[in-house]
C-alpha cells in the first residue's frame, strides 16, 4: 500500500500546466507589501462615471489606471532583468488577470487582458479597451492567446519546466518576437493586476511568476466597512486593502514608496487625478437633464 492514496488528474487547464512548470525550489527575491485605502471617494467617482457615460467601471479599472500612472512617475520600476542587467521598458503596459470559462476541462482558466501604453490613455479609453479585450478573452476570440494555450497544451508535463524556461529565455533574455510560433508578444507587460475581492477576499499576496518577467503584481481586495479614525472620532469607513509582490532586484523601498504614493493619490482622490466627469462623453439621458 502506498504512503498516500493518489489518482492522477488528467485534464489540466492551461493555467494549471503553466503553474506546474513555473515554480521550483529557488532563491526568492520577492518583497510583499500592503496598504489600506479609503474608498468612499472612489465609489462616488465610479457612480458619477456610470451616470455620465452609461459605462460601468470597477475598482479594477481604477487600480489598473493608477498602477500605470505610478509606473509613469517611477520609470525605474518599469524594468526587466536580462543577463543580470536592468533594462527599462519604453512603454507602460498593464495586464489584468481574467477568469475564462473552460467547461471542457477544469471549468475555469486564467487569461490576461493587456493594455499597451496605459499611462497615455484616459480612464474612459482604458475602460473601453478592457471591455473589448475581456469580451474576446472570455469568448475565446483572441487568436494569439488561444494559439499560445494550444501550443503549451501540446507540451508533455515532464517537459513543461524546461519549455517555460526556453520561452522566457527566447522572448525576454534574447528579446525575440515569437508570435509566428504561437507565443503572444509580452502578454503580462509591466505590472499585473488581479481582483481577489471578486472572490470575497480582502487580503492576498500574488506570487511572482519567473517566466513572465513581471516585477510587480498587484492584488485588489474586497471593500469592507471598518472602523477608521477621523480627527478624534472613530467612524465607519469603506476600506480596501491593496497588496503587492515585487522583485527586489528591480524595485527597492524608495521605488515602492513612490508607487504607493501614486496609488493613494489616484484611488483616494480620483476626482482630482482621473478623468474629469464633466469632460466625459455623456449619454442621451444625461444630456437631456443638463
Protein backbone atom coordinates (compact mmCIF):
# COMPACT_ATOMS: atom_id res chain seq x y z
CA UNK A 1 0.00 0.00 0.00
CA UNK A 2 1.38 3.44 -0.87
CA UNK A 3 2.02 6.14 1.72
CA UNK A 4 -0.78 8.26 0.23
CA UNK A 5 -3.61 7.02 -1.93
CA UNK A 6 -3.39 9.08 -5.13
CA UNK A 7 -5.04 9.28 -8.51
CA UNK A 8 -3.62 11.47 -11.31
CA UNK A 9 -5.63 14.46 -12.51
CA UNK A 10 -5.59 14.00 -16.26
CA UNK A 11 -7.39 17.11 -17.53
CA UNK A 12 -5.44 20.27 -16.70
CA UNK A 13 -6.25 23.85 -17.66
CA UNK A 14 -3.61 25.89 -19.47
CA UNK A 15 -3.03 27.94 -16.31
CA UNK A 16 -2.51 24.82 -14.18
CA UNK A 17 0.01 23.43 -16.67
CA UNK A 18 1.93 26.70 -16.67
CA UNK A 19 1.84 26.88 -12.85
CA UNK A 20 3.34 23.38 -12.60
CA UNK A 21 6.16 24.41 -14.90
CA UNK A 22 6.83 27.73 -13.19
CA UNK A 23 7.76 27.26 -9.53
CA UNK A 24 10.50 25.16 -8.05
CA UNK A 25 12.99 25.46 -5.18
CA UNK A 26 14.92 28.68 -5.73
CA UNK A 27 16.23 31.79 -4.07
CA UNK A 28 13.28 34.14 -3.91
CA UNK A 29 13.75 37.93 -4.37
CA UNK A 30 10.07 38.73 -3.68
CA UNK A 31 9.10 41.51 -1.26
CA UNK A 32 5.49 41.81 -0.10
CA UNK A 33 3.60 44.92 0.98
CA UNK A 34 0.09 46.17 1.61
CA UNK A 35 -1.73 49.44 2.05
CA UNK A 36 -5.23 50.26 3.29
CA UNK A 37 -7.14 52.83 1.22
CA UNK A 38 -10.27 54.81 1.97
CA UNK A 39 -12.65 54.13 -0.91
CA UNK A 40 -15.65 56.43 -0.35
CA UNK A 41 -14.49 58.91 -2.98
CA UNK A 42 -13.55 56.14 -5.42
CA UNK A 43 -17.03 54.61 -5.12
CA UNK A 44 -18.60 58.05 -5.64
CA UNK A 45 -16.38 58.58 -8.70
CA UNK A 46 -17.36 55.24 -10.23
CA UNK A 47 -21.05 56.05 -9.77
CA UNK A 48 -20.61 59.52 -11.29
CA UNK A 49 -18.69 57.96 -14.21
CA UNK A 50 -21.51 55.47 -14.83
CA UNK A 51 -24.23 58.11 -14.63
CA UNK A 52 -22.37 60.36 -17.06
CA UNK A 53 -21.28 57.79 -19.65
CA UNK A 54 -23.57 54.82 -19.14
CA UNK A 55 -20.41 52.69 -18.83
CA UNK A 56 -19.83 50.59 -15.74
CA UNK A 57 -16.33 50.68 -14.33
CA UNK A 58 -14.98 48.72 -11.38
CA UNK A 59 -12.24 49.11 -8.83
CA UNK A 60 -10.04 47.03 -11.14
CA UNK A 61 -10.24 49.77 -13.79
CA UNK A 62 -9.20 52.41 -11.26
CA UNK A 63 -6.34 50.30 -9.91
CA UNK A 64 -5.08 49.49 -13.43
CA UNK A 65 -5.01 53.17 -14.34
CA UNK A 66 -3.43 54.11 -11.01
CA UNK A 67 -0.74 51.44 -11.47
CA UNK A 68 0.04 52.78 -14.94
CA UNK A 69 0.39 56.31 -13.61
CA UNK A 70 2.50 55.05 -10.71
CA UNK A 71 5.00 53.47 -13.13
CA UNK A 72 4.93 56.67 -15.20
CA UNK A 73 6.01 58.56 -12.08
CA UNK A 74 8.67 55.97 -11.28
CA UNK A 75 10.10 54.78 -14.64
CA UNK A 76 12.99 52.96 -12.92
CA UNK A 77 10.45 50.43 -11.63
CA UNK A 78 9.24 49.76 -15.18
CA UNK A 79 12.02 47.34 -15.97
CA UNK A 80 13.07 43.78 -16.69
CA UNK A 81 16.27 41.87 -15.97
CA UNK A 82 18.28 40.43 -18.88
CA UNK A 83 21.64 38.72 -18.36
CA UNK A 84 21.87 40.38 -14.92
CA UNK A 85 21.44 43.83 -16.46
CA UNK A 86 18.42 46.06 -15.87
CA UNK A 87 16.59 47.28 -18.96
CA UNK A 88 13.88 49.93 -18.80
CA UNK A 89 10.72 49.43 -20.80
CA UNK A 90 9.79 52.13 -23.29
CA UNK A 91 6.06 51.77 -22.60
CA UNK A 92 3.86 51.16 -19.58
CA UNK A 93 1.79 48.05 -20.34
CA UNK A 94 -0.75 46.76 -17.83
CA UNK A 95 -2.10 43.22 -17.74
CA UNK A 96 -5.26 42.18 -15.90
CA UNK A 97 -5.97 38.58 -14.97
CA UNK A 98 -9.30 37.42 -16.37
CA UNK A 99 -11.29 34.32 -15.42
CA UNK A 100 -12.06 32.40 -18.60
CA UNK A 101 -14.83 29.75 -18.68
CA UNK A 102 -13.39 26.36 -19.56
CA UNK A 103 -16.23 23.85 -19.40
CA UNK A 104 -14.37 21.18 -21.30
CA UNK A 105 -11.60 20.80 -18.74
CA UNK A 106 -11.30 22.32 -15.25
CA UNK A 107 -14.35 24.58 -15.51
CA UNK A 108 -12.35 27.85 -15.45
CA UNK A 109 -8.96 29.05 -16.60
CA UNK A 110 -6.95 32.23 -16.18
CA UNK A 111 -6.01 34.53 -19.05
CA UNK A 112 -4.66 38.05 -19.42
CA UNK A 113 -6.03 41.27 -20.85
CA UNK A 114 -3.11 43.53 -21.80
CA UNK A 115 -3.36 47.30 -22.26
CA UNK A 116 -0.42 48.90 -24.06
CA UNK A 117 0.72 52.44 -23.17
CA UNK A 118 -1.85 52.54 -20.37
CA UNK A 119 -0.34 55.67 -18.83
CA UNK A 120 -1.06 57.62 -22.03
CA UNK A 121 -4.75 56.70 -22.13
CA UNK A 122 -7.66 58.25 -20.30
CA UNK A 123 -9.61 56.10 -17.88
CA UNK A 124 -12.52 56.17 -20.33
CA UNK A 125 -10.36 54.88 -23.20
CA UNK A 126 -8.82 52.31 -20.88
CA UNK A 127 -12.27 51.08 -19.81
CA UNK A 128 -13.43 50.69 -23.41
CA UNK A 129 -10.30 48.73 -24.34
CA UNK A 130 -10.57 46.47 -21.29
CA UNK A 131 -14.24 45.79 -22.07
CA UNK A 132 -13.39 44.83 -25.64
CA UNK A 133 -10.41 42.65 -24.72
CA UNK A 134 -12.14 40.87 -21.83
CA UNK A 135 -15.02 40.05 -24.17
CA UNK A 136 -12.61 38.50 -26.67
CA UNK A 137 -10.78 36.54 -23.99
CA UNK A 138 -13.92 35.11 -22.41
CA UNK A 139 -15.41 34.25 -25.79
CA UNK A 140 -12.10 32.72 -26.93
CA UNK A 141 -11.79 35.21 -29.78
CA UNK A 142 -8.20 36.27 -29.05
CA UNK A 143 -6.20 34.34 -31.71
CA UNK A 144 -2.77 34.93 -30.14
CA UNK A 145 -3.85 33.79 -26.70
CA UNK A 146 -5.71 30.74 -27.98
CA UNK A 147 -2.75 29.73 -30.14
CA UNK A 148 -0.42 30.17 -27.16
CA UNK A 149 -2.57 27.92 -24.99
CA UNK A 150 -2.79 25.36 -27.78
CA UNK A 151 0.99 25.37 -28.12
CA UNK A 152 1.53 24.85 -24.38
CA UNK A 153 -1.19 22.21 -24.31
CA UNK A 154 0.90 20.03 -26.60
CA UNK A 155 3.91 20.07 -24.27
CA UNK A 156 4.21 16.94 -22.04
CA UNK A 157 4.14 17.78 -18.32
CA UNK A 158 7.63 16.38 -17.72
CA UNK A 159 8.94 18.98 -20.20
CA UNK A 160 6.85 21.96 -19.08
CA UNK A 161 9.52 23.38 -16.71
CA UNK A 162 12.13 23.25 -19.45
CA UNK A 163 9.73 24.64 -22.07
CA UNK A 164 8.75 27.68 -19.98
CA UNK A 165 12.40 28.46 -19.31
CA UNK A 166 13.16 28.23 -23.03
CA UNK A 167 10.22 30.51 -23.90
CA UNK A 168 11.27 33.05 -21.26
CA UNK A 169 14.87 32.96 -22.50
CA UNK A 170 13.89 33.49 -26.12
CA UNK A 171 11.24 36.16 -25.54
CA UNK A 172 12.91 38.18 -22.79
CA UNK A 173 16.62 37.35 -22.49
CA UNK A 174 17.08 37.35 -26.28
CA UNK A 175 14.04 39.64 -26.75
CA UNK A 176 12.74 37.77 -29.82
CA UNK A 177 9.25 38.17 -31.25
CA UNK A 178 7.88 34.61 -31.14
CA UNK A 179 4.35 35.24 -32.39
CA UNK A 180 4.96 33.21 -35.55
CA UNK A 181 5.44 30.20 -33.23
CA UNK A 182 2.22 30.79 -31.31
CA UNK A 183 3.76 32.70 -28.39
CA UNK A 184 1.94 36.02 -27.66
CA UNK A 185 4.03 39.19 -27.51
CA UNK A 186 4.73 40.21 -23.91
CA UNK A 187 1.28 39.25 -22.58
CA UNK A 188 1.99 40.29 -18.98
CA UNK A 189 3.51 43.74 -19.51
CA UNK A 190 4.97 45.97 -16.81
CA UNK A 191 2.61 45.05 -13.96
CA UNK A 192 -0.18 42.53 -13.47
CA UNK A 193 -3.40 43.42 -11.63
CA UNK A 194 -5.78 40.83 -10.22
CA UNK A 195 -9.02 41.39 -8.32
CA UNK A 196 -9.17 38.92 -5.44
CA UNK A 197 -12.00 40.96 -3.93
CA UNK A 198 -14.32 39.44 -6.53
CA UNK A 199 -13.64 36.13 -4.76
CA UNK A 200 -14.63 37.64 -1.40
CA UNK A 201 -11.03 38.01 -0.21
CA UNK A 202 -9.83 41.22 1.38
CA UNK A 203 -6.18 40.13 1.64
CA UNK A 204 -3.95 38.02 -0.55
CA UNK A 205 -0.44 38.15 -1.98
CA UNK A 206 0.14 37.04 -5.56
CA UNK A 207 3.37 35.13 -6.32
CA UNK A 208 5.76 36.39 -8.96
CA UNK A 209 5.95 34.04 -11.93
CA UNK A 210 9.56 33.98 -13.21
CA UNK A 211 8.72 33.21 -16.85
CA UNK A 212 6.55 36.36 -17.13
CA UNK A 213 9.43 38.67 -16.13
CA UNK A 214 6.84 40.91 -14.44
CA UNK A 215 8.50 42.61 -11.44
CA UNK A 216 5.26 43.83 -9.85
CA UNK A 217 1.97 42.09 -9.05
CA UNK A 218 -0.96 44.00 -7.50
CA UNK A 219 -3.93 42.31 -5.82
CA UNK A 220 -7.16 44.23 -5.25
CA UNK A 221 -9.02 43.19 -2.09
CA UNK A 222 -12.70 43.44 -1.28
CA UNK A 223 -14.03 46.72 0.07
CA UNK A 224 -15.02 46.29 3.73
CA UNK A 225 -16.71 48.54 6.27
CA UNK A 226 -14.20 49.06 9.08
CA UNK A 227 -13.74 51.47 11.98
CA UNK A 228 -11.47 54.36 10.98
CA UNK A 229 -10.23 57.43 12.81
CA UNK A 230 -11.30 60.85 11.57
CA UNK A 231 -9.94 63.63 13.72
CA UNK A 232 -10.54 62.36 17.25
CA UNK A 233 -13.53 60.19 16.39
CA UNK A 234 -13.87 56.59 15.35
CA UNK A 235 -16.35 56.26 12.48
CA UNK A 236 -17.30 53.54 9.98
CA UNK A 237 -15.32 53.75 6.76
CA UNK A 238 -15.16 51.83 3.48
CA UNK A 239 -11.65 50.41 3.26
CA UNK A 240 -9.87 48.38 0.60
CA UNK A 241 -6.56 46.62 1.12
CA UNK A 242 -4.20 46.72 -1.82
CA UNK A 243 -1.33 44.23 -1.72
CA UNK A 244 1.73 43.96 -3.89
CA UNK A 245 4.52 41.49 -4.59
CA UNK A 246 7.62 42.91 -6.23
CA UNK A 247 11.06 41.81 -7.35
CA UNK A 248 13.61 43.37 -5.00
CA UNK A 249 16.29 43.13 -7.69
CA UNK A 250 14.41 45.80 -9.66
CA UNK A 251 12.26 47.64 -7.12
CA UNK A 252 13.54 48.84 -3.74
CA UNK A 253 11.95 50.67 -0.83
CA UNK A 254 12.29 54.09 -2.47
CA UNK A 255 10.58 52.93 -5.65
CA UNK A 256 7.87 51.25 -3.58
CA UNK A 257 7.16 54.47 -1.69
CA UNK A 258 6.76 56.44 -4.93
CA UNK A 259 4.46 53.78 -6.36
CA UNK A 260 2.39 53.64 -3.17
CA UNK A 261 2.02 57.44 -3.07
CA UNK A 262 0.71 57.44 -6.64
CA UNK A 263 -1.79 54.69 -5.86
CA UNK A 264 -3.07 56.66 -2.87
CA UNK A 265 -3.44 59.82 -4.96
CA UNK A 266 -5.42 58.16 -7.74
CA UNK A 267 -7.63 55.95 -5.56
CA UNK A 268 -8.34 58.23 -2.60
CA UNK A 269 -8.73 61.45 -4.61
CA UNK A 270 -9.97 60.25 -8.03
CA UNK A 271 -11.93 63.40 -8.90
CA UNK A 272 -8.66 65.35 -8.83
CA UNK A 273 -6.46 62.83 -10.67
CA UNK A 274 -8.65 60.83 -13.06
CA UNK A 275 -10.84 61.93 -15.99
CA UNK A 276 -12.93 65.00 -15.25
CA UNK A 277 -16.53 63.83 -15.06
CA UNK A 278 -17.82 66.88 -16.95
CA UNK A 279 -15.42 66.16 -19.84
CA UNK A 280 -16.59 62.56 -20.34
CA UNK A 281 -18.94 61.70 -23.24
CA UNK A 282 -22.48 61.84 -21.92
CA UNK A 283 -25.41 59.53 -22.59
CA UNK A 284 -28.57 60.93 -24.18
CA UNK A 285 -30.32 60.66 -20.83
CA UNK A 286 -27.58 62.70 -19.17
CA UNK A 287 -27.70 65.37 -21.87
CA UNK A 288 -31.48 65.63 -21.51
CA UNK A 289 -31.12 66.58 -17.85
CA UNK A 290 -28.49 69.26 -18.44
